[in-house]
Amino acid sequence: MEVAYFFDPAAWGRGYASELTTACTQLADNVLLLPEVKAFAHPANIGSRRVLEKAGFESVRFVPEMERLLYRRGRQGLQSEA
């Protein structure tokens, strides 16, 4: 399962990505009971990287074919490999 979002630049900096990411991770943890959720961010997109890190995602590795960083967030108390 993956969290993904794309906003028009006019919507940047208004907290929409944080709100969406929080809602998605709560659903993944409490309703779907997923062991982990993944996300991707462009290395230069500091805002998206910050949103993911604040939501508990950790950078796993750079994916060259996508030119993106892979992030993962495990459900509390569970471990899995990326």
N, C-alpha and C. Protein backbone atom coordinates (compact mmCIF):
# COMPACT_ATOMS: atom_id res chain seq x y z
N MET A 1 0.85 -1.16 0.00
CA MET A 1 0.00 0.00 0.00
C MET A 1 0.91 1.23 0.00
N GLU A 2 0.48 2.23 -0.71
CA GLU A 2 1.30 3.43 -0.88
C GLU A 2 0.48 4.70 -0.65
N VAL A 3 1.07 5.65 0.03
CA VAL A 3 0.50 6.99 0.16
C VAL A 3 1.07 7.82 -0.98
N ALA A 4 0.19 8.48 -1.72
CA ALA A 4 0.65 9.34 -2.81
C ALA A 4 -0.26 10.56 -2.89
N TYR A 5 0.34 11.67 -3.25
CA TYR A 5 -0.44 12.91 -3.41
C TYR A 5 0.26 13.81 -4.41
N PHE A 6 -0.54 14.57 -5.12
CA PHE A 6 -0.04 15.56 -6.08
C PHE A 6 -0.93 16.77 -5.95
N PHE A 7 -0.36 17.91 -5.61
CA PHE A 7 -1.13 19.13 -5.43
C PHE A 7 -0.63 20.20 -6.38
N ASP A 8 -1.53 21.03 -6.80
CA ASP A 8 -1.17 22.21 -7.57
C ASP A 8 -0.31 23.10 -6.68
N PRO A 9 0.70 23.74 -7.24
CA PRO A 9 1.55 24.60 -6.42
C PRO A 9 0.78 25.64 -5.60
N ALA A 10 -0.38 26.07 -6.06
CA ALA A 10 -1.17 27.04 -5.31
C ALA A 10 -1.64 26.46 -3.97
N ALA A 11 -1.66 25.12 -3.84
CA ALA A 11 -2.12 24.47 -2.61
C ALA A 11 -0.96 24.12 -1.67
N TRP A 12 0.27 24.30 -2.12
CA TRP A 12 1.42 23.95 -1.30
C TRP A 12 1.48 24.81 -0.04
N GLY A 13 1.96 24.22 1.04
CA GLY A 13 2.18 24.95 2.27
C GLY A 13 0.92 25.19 3.09
N ARG A 14 -0.16 24.54 2.76
CA ARG A 14 -1.42 24.74 3.49
C ARG A 14 -1.78 23.57 4.39
N GLY A 15 -0.91 22.58 4.47
CA GLY A 15 -1.14 21.45 5.37
C GLY A 15 -1.96 20.32 4.77
N TYR A 16 -2.32 20.42 3.50
CA TYR A 16 -3.15 19.38 2.89
C TYR A 16 -2.42 18.03 2.83
N ALA A 17 -1.16 18.05 2.48
CA ALA A 17 -0.40 16.79 2.39
C ALA A 17 -0.26 16.15 3.76
N SER A 18 -0.02 16.94 4.78
CA SER A 18 0.07 16.40 6.14
C SER A 18 -1.26 15.81 6.59
N GLU A 19 -2.34 16.52 6.32
CA GLU A 19 -3.66 16.05 6.70
C GLU A 19 -4.00 14.74 5.98
N LEU A 20 -3.74 14.69 4.69
CA LEU A 20 -4.01 13.48 3.91
C LEU A 20 -3.16 12.31 4.38
N THR A 21 -1.88 12.55 4.62
CA THR A 21 -0.98 11.48 5.06
C THR A 21 -1.38 10.95 6.42
N THR A 22 -1.77 11.82 7.33
CA THR A 22 -2.23 11.39 8.65
C THR A 22 -3.49 10.54 8.54
N ALA A 23 -4.44 10.97 7.72
CA ALA A 23 -5.68 10.19 7.53
C ALA A 23 -5.37 8.82 6.94
N CYS A 24 -4.48 8.77 5.96
CA CYS A 24 -4.12 7.51 5.32
C CYS A 24 -3.43 6.55 6.29
N THR A 25 -2.50 7.06 7.09
CA THR A 25 -1.78 6.18 8.01
C THR A 25 -2.70 5.71 9.14
N GLN A 26 -3.63 6.55 9.58
CA GLN A 26 -4.59 6.11 10.60
C GLN A 26 -5.49 5.01 10.05
N LEU A 27 -5.94 5.14 8.82
CA LEU A 27 -6.76 4.12 8.19
C LEU A 27 -5.95 2.83 8.02
N ALA A 28 -4.71 2.95 7.56
CA ALA A 28 -3.86 1.78 7.37
C ALA A 28 -3.61 1.05 8.70
N ASP A 29 -3.39 1.80 9.77
CA ASP A 29 -3.09 1.21 11.08
C ASP A 29 -4.32 0.64 11.78
N ASN A 30 -5.41 1.39 11.77
CA ASN A 30 -6.55 1.07 12.63
C ASN A 30 -7.69 0.34 11.96
N VAL A 31 -7.80 0.45 10.65
CA VAL A 31 -8.92 -0.19 9.95
C VAL A 31 -8.40 -1.34 9.08
N LEU A 32 -7.43 -1.05 8.24
CA LEU A 32 -6.91 -2.06 7.33
C LEU A 32 -5.88 -2.98 7.98
N LEU A 33 -5.33 -2.54 9.11
CA LEU A 33 -4.33 -3.30 9.87
C LEU A 33 -3.14 -3.72 9.01
N LEU A 34 -2.69 -2.80 8.18
CA LEU A 34 -1.56 -3.08 7.30
C LEU A 34 -0.25 -3.11 8.09
N PRO A 35 0.64 -4.03 7.77
CA PRO A 35 1.92 -4.05 8.50
C PRO A 35 2.83 -2.89 8.15
N GLU A 36 2.66 -2.32 6.94
CA GLU A 36 3.47 -1.17 6.55
C GLU A 36 2.80 -0.41 5.41
N VAL A 37 3.22 0.83 5.26
CA VAL A 37 2.78 1.68 4.15
C VAL A 37 4.05 2.29 3.56
N LYS A 38 4.07 2.42 2.24
CA LYS A 38 5.23 3.00 1.56
C LYS A 38 4.84 4.31 0.89
N ALA A 39 5.84 5.08 0.53
CA ALA A 39 5.64 6.34 -0.19
C ALA A 39 6.93 6.66 -0.93
N PHE A 40 6.81 7.50 -1.93
CA PHE A 40 7.97 7.95 -2.69
C PHE A 40 8.02 9.47 -2.67
N ALA A 41 9.22 10.01 -2.69
CA ALA A 41 9.39 11.47 -2.76
C ALA A 41 10.63 11.78 -3.59
N HIS A 42 10.52 12.82 -4.37
CA HIS A 42 11.68 13.29 -5.13
C HIS A 42 12.69 13.85 -4.12
N PRO A 43 13.96 13.53 -4.26
CA PRO A 43 14.96 14.00 -3.29
C PRO A 43 14.97 15.52 -3.09
N ALA A 44 14.68 16.28 -4.13
CA ALA A 44 14.70 17.74 -4.01
C ALA A 44 13.42 18.31 -3.40
N ASN A 45 12.40 17.48 -3.23
CA ASN A 45 11.12 17.96 -2.68
C ASN A 45 11.16 17.88 -1.16
N ILE A 46 11.79 18.87 -0.56
CA ILE A 46 11.98 18.90 0.89
C ILE A 46 10.64 18.92 1.63
N GLY A 47 9.65 19.61 1.09
CA GLY A 47 8.33 19.67 1.74
C GLY A 47 7.70 18.30 1.87
N SER A 48 7.69 17.51 0.79
CA SER A 48 7.11 16.17 0.85
C SER A 48 7.92 15.25 1.74
N ARG A 49 9.21 15.38 1.69
CA ARG A 49 10.05 14.55 2.56
C ARG A 49 9.75 14.85 4.03
N ARG A 50 9.57 16.13 4.35
CA ARG A 50 9.26 16.53 5.72
C ARG A 50 7.89 15.98 6.15
N VAL A 51 6.90 16.06 5.25
CA VAL A 51 5.56 15.53 5.55
C VAL A 51 5.67 14.05 5.91
N LEU A 52 6.37 13.29 5.09
CA LEU A 52 6.50 11.85 5.33
C LEU A 52 7.24 11.56 6.63
N GLU A 53 8.32 12.27 6.88
CA GLU A 53 9.09 12.04 8.10
C GLU A 53 8.29 12.40 9.35
N LYS A 54 7.51 13.50 9.29
CA LYS A 54 6.67 13.86 10.44
C LYS A 54 5.60 12.81 10.70
N ALA A 55 5.19 12.09 9.66
CA ALA A 55 4.16 11.05 9.79
C ALA A 55 4.76 9.70 10.19
N GLY A 56 6.06 9.67 10.43
CA GLY A 56 6.70 8.44 10.90
C GLY A 56 7.34 7.58 9.82
N PHE A 57 7.40 8.09 8.59
CA PHE A 57 8.06 7.35 7.52
C PHE A 57 9.57 7.52 7.63
N GLU A 58 10.28 6.47 7.23
CA GLU A 58 11.74 6.51 7.21
C GLU A 58 12.22 6.26 5.79
N SER A 59 13.26 6.95 5.40
CA SER A 59 13.85 6.74 4.09
C SER A 59 14.53 5.38 4.05
N VAL A 60 14.23 4.61 3.00
CA VAL A 60 14.79 3.26 2.87
C VAL A 60 15.94 3.26 1.87
N ARG A 61 15.69 3.81 0.67
CA ARG A 61 16.73 3.83 -0.36
C ARG A 61 16.29 4.71 -1.52
N PHE A 62 17.25 5.05 -2.35
CA PHE A 62 16.97 5.78 -3.58
C PHE A 62 16.65 4.75 -4.66
N VAL A 63 15.59 4.99 -5.44
CA VAL A 63 15.19 4.11 -6.53
C VAL A 63 15.56 4.81 -7.83
N PRO A 64 16.69 4.45 -8.43
CA PRO A 64 17.20 5.19 -9.60
C PRO A 64 16.23 5.23 -10.77
N GLU A 65 15.56 4.12 -11.06
CA GLU A 65 14.66 4.10 -12.21
C GLU A 65 13.46 5.03 -12.06
N MET A 66 13.14 5.40 -10.83
CA MET A 66 12.05 6.36 -10.57
C MET A 66 12.57 7.75 -10.23
N GLU A 67 13.86 7.83 -9.95
CA GLU A 67 14.48 9.06 -9.46
C GLU A 67 13.76 9.57 -8.21
N ARG A 68 13.43 8.65 -7.32
CA ARG A 68 12.70 8.96 -6.10
C ARG A 68 13.31 8.23 -4.91
N LEU A 69 13.07 8.77 -3.73
CA LEU A 69 13.42 8.08 -2.49
C LEU A 69 12.22 7.23 -2.07
N LEU A 70 12.50 6.01 -1.68
CA LEU A 70 11.47 5.13 -1.14
C LEU A 70 11.42 5.31 0.37
N TYR A 71 10.22 5.53 0.89
CA TYR A 71 10.00 5.65 2.32
C TYR A 71 9.09 4.52 2.77
N ARG A 72 9.21 4.13 4.04
CA ARG A 72 8.28 3.16 4.61
C ARG A 72 7.94 3.57 6.02
N ARG A 73 6.76 3.14 6.42
CA ARG A 73 6.28 3.38 7.79
C ARG A 73 5.61 2.09 8.24
N GLY A 74 6.19 1.45 9.25
CA GLY A 74 5.60 0.23 9.78
C GLY A 74 4.57 0.55 10.84
N ARG A 75 3.57 -0.34 10.94
CA ARG A 75 2.60 -0.19 12.02
C ARG A 75 3.30 -0.46 13.34
N GLN A 76 2.93 0.25 14.37
CA GLN A 76 3.61 0.15 15.66
C GLN A 76 3.65 -1.30 16.13
N GLY A 77 4.85 -1.75 16.50
CA GLY A 77 5.01 -3.09 17.03
C GLY A 77 5.26 -4.15 15.97
N LEU A 78 5.25 -3.80 14.69
CA LEU A 78 5.50 -4.77 13.62
C LEU A 78 6.73 -4.37 12.84
N GLN A 79 7.43 -5.35 12.32
CA GLN A 79 8.60 -5.12 11.49
C GLN A 79 8.39 -5.81 10.16
N SER A 80 8.88 -5.22 9.07
CA SER A 80 8.90 -5.89 7.76
C SER A 80 10.03 -5.31 6.95
N GLU A 81 10.41 -6.01 5.89
CA GLU A 81 11.50 -5.54 5.05
C GLU A 81 10.94 -4.69 3.92
N ALA A 82 11.74 -3.73 3.44
CA ALA A 82 11.31 -2.84 2.35
C ALA A 82 11.33 -3.52 1.02
